[in-house]
Amino acid sequence: MNRRYQILVDGVDCDPKKLADENLIRETLLKTAEICGMKVLYGPVLIQGVPANPGITGFVIIDFSHISIHTFTDTKEICVDVFSCKPFEYGKARDYIVDTFEVG
């Protein structure tokens, strides 16, 4: 019996403008939680990267764990982790993230 559920999206060739868009990152965190049927308990929290590694890190604490997003504008990459102790529809969450950031 699986008690942990997780998807990782390790995307490349994303639009750097989307990767740098705080509003889009915030919206994606909230919408992903909604798609997964989770309640946000804390966040979203967003932090800008350092000049040597520009991008945004954002996360929400959800009622069954967390969702995090790390963007890297110089290399056009995104890393998303949806981790939960409650089952959710992997495909819907993954497709939403991939479509939103036009993952290559």
Protein backbone atom coordinates (compact mmCIF):
# COMPACT_ATOMS: atom_id res chain seq x y z
CA MET A 1 0.00 0.00 0.00
CA ASN A 2 1.53 3.27 -1.14
CA ARG A 3 1.38 6.02 1.47
CA ARG A 4 3.40 8.64 -0.40
CA TYR A 5 2.49 10.24 -3.71
CA GLN A 6 4.81 12.46 -5.71
CA ILE A 7 5.40 13.92 -9.13
CA LEU A 8 8.52 15.70 -10.26
CA VAL A 9 8.56 17.91 -13.33
CA ASP A 10 12.10 18.63 -14.47
CA GLY A 11 11.49 20.88 -17.44
CA VAL A 12 13.77 22.44 -20.02
CA ASP A 13 13.44 24.98 -22.84
CA CYS A 14 10.84 27.04 -20.96
CA ASP A 15 10.05 30.67 -21.72
CA PRO A 16 12.35 32.73 -19.41
CA LYS A 17 9.65 35.42 -19.10
CA LYS A 18 7.27 32.86 -17.60
CA LEU A 19 10.01 31.55 -15.32
CA ALA A 20 10.57 35.08 -13.97
CA ASP A 21 6.87 35.91 -13.55
CA GLU A 22 6.07 35.96 -9.81
CA ASN A 23 2.33 36.20 -10.42
CA LEU A 24 2.43 33.13 -12.66
CA ILE A 25 4.47 31.15 -10.12
CA ARG A 26 2.05 32.13 -7.34
CA GLU A 27 -0.98 31.24 -9.48
CA THR A 28 0.59 27.90 -10.47
CA LEU A 29 1.21 26.92 -6.86
CA LEU A 30 -2.38 27.69 -5.89
CA LYS A 31 -3.94 26.09 -8.97
CA THR A 32 -1.81 22.95 -8.61
CA ALA A 33 -3.01 22.57 -5.02
CA GLU A 34 -6.59 22.98 -6.23
CA ILE A 35 -6.11 20.40 -9.01
CA CYS A 36 -4.73 17.96 -6.43
CA GLY A 37 -7.69 18.54 -4.12
CA MET A 38 -5.46 20.00 -1.42
CA LYS A 39 -5.98 22.94 0.90
CA VAL A 40 -3.17 25.49 1.18
CA LEU A 41 -2.21 25.91 4.83
CA TYR A 42 0.66 28.34 4.32
CA GLY A 43 1.89 30.40 1.41
CA PRO A 44 2.57 30.87 -1.31
CA VAL A 45 6.05 32.05 -0.41
CA LEU A 46 8.24 33.33 -3.26
CA ILE A 47 11.92 34.20 -3.13
CA GLN A 48 14.08 35.65 -5.91
CA GLY A 49 17.32 33.87 -6.73
CA VAL A 50 20.74 35.45 -6.50
CA PRO A 51 22.32 37.25 -9.49
CA ALA A 52 24.62 34.29 -10.15
CA ASN A 53 21.58 31.96 -10.33
CA PRO A 54 18.52 34.02 -11.29
CA GLY A 55 15.03 32.65 -11.01
CA ILE A 56 12.34 32.14 -8.41
CA THR A 57 11.76 29.59 -5.70
CA GLY A 58 8.21 29.27 -4.47
CA PHE A 59 6.34 26.88 -2.25
CA VAL A 60 3.08 26.20 -0.47
CA ILE A 61 2.46 23.97 2.50
CA ILE A 62 -0.65 21.92 1.79
CA ASP A 63 -2.80 19.90 4.14
CA PHE A 64 -0.98 16.71 3.15
CA SER A 65 2.57 18.02 2.47
CA HIS A 66 3.99 20.58 -0.02
CA ILE A 67 4.34 21.88 -3.56
CA SER A 68 7.55 23.62 -4.60
CA ILE A 69 8.72 25.33 -7.77
CA HIS A 70 12.28 26.33 -8.65
CA THR A 71 12.90 28.30 -11.84
CA PHE A 72 16.21 29.04 -13.52
CA THR A 73 15.88 31.82 -16.08
CA ASP A 74 19.41 31.66 -17.51
CA THR A 75 19.13 27.97 -18.37
CA LYS A 76 15.36 28.05 -19.12
CA GLU A 77 14.64 25.28 -16.60
CA ILE A 78 11.95 24.55 -14.05
CA CYS A 79 11.80 21.95 -11.28
CA VAL A 80 8.47 21.25 -9.63
CA ASP A 81 7.84 18.85 -6.76
CA VAL A 82 4.32 17.88 -5.71
CA PHE A 83 4.56 15.64 -2.65
CA SER A 84 1.58 14.37 -0.70
CA CYS A 85 0.49 11.72 1.76
CA LYS A 86 -2.92 11.73 0.04
CA PRO A 87 -3.53 10.34 -3.46
CA PHE A 88 -4.07 12.83 -6.27
CA GLU A 89 -4.38 12.72 -10.03
CA TYR A 90 -0.79 12.82 -11.25
CA GLY A 91 -1.68 13.37 -14.89
CA LYS A 92 -3.85 16.43 -14.33
CA ALA A 93 -1.25 18.13 -12.14
CA ARG A 94 1.64 17.28 -14.46
CA ASP A 95 -0.23 18.37 -17.60
CA TYR A 96 -1.20 21.69 -16.02
CA ILE A 97 2.41 22.46 -15.05
CA VAL A 98 3.84 21.35 -18.41
CA ASP A 99 1.24 23.38 -20.35
CA THR A 100 1.59 26.47 -18.16
CA PHE A 101 5.36 26.69 -18.58
CA GLU A 102 5.49 25.27 -22.11
CA VAL A 103 8.00 22.67 -20.97
CA GLY A 104 10.15 21.42 -23.86
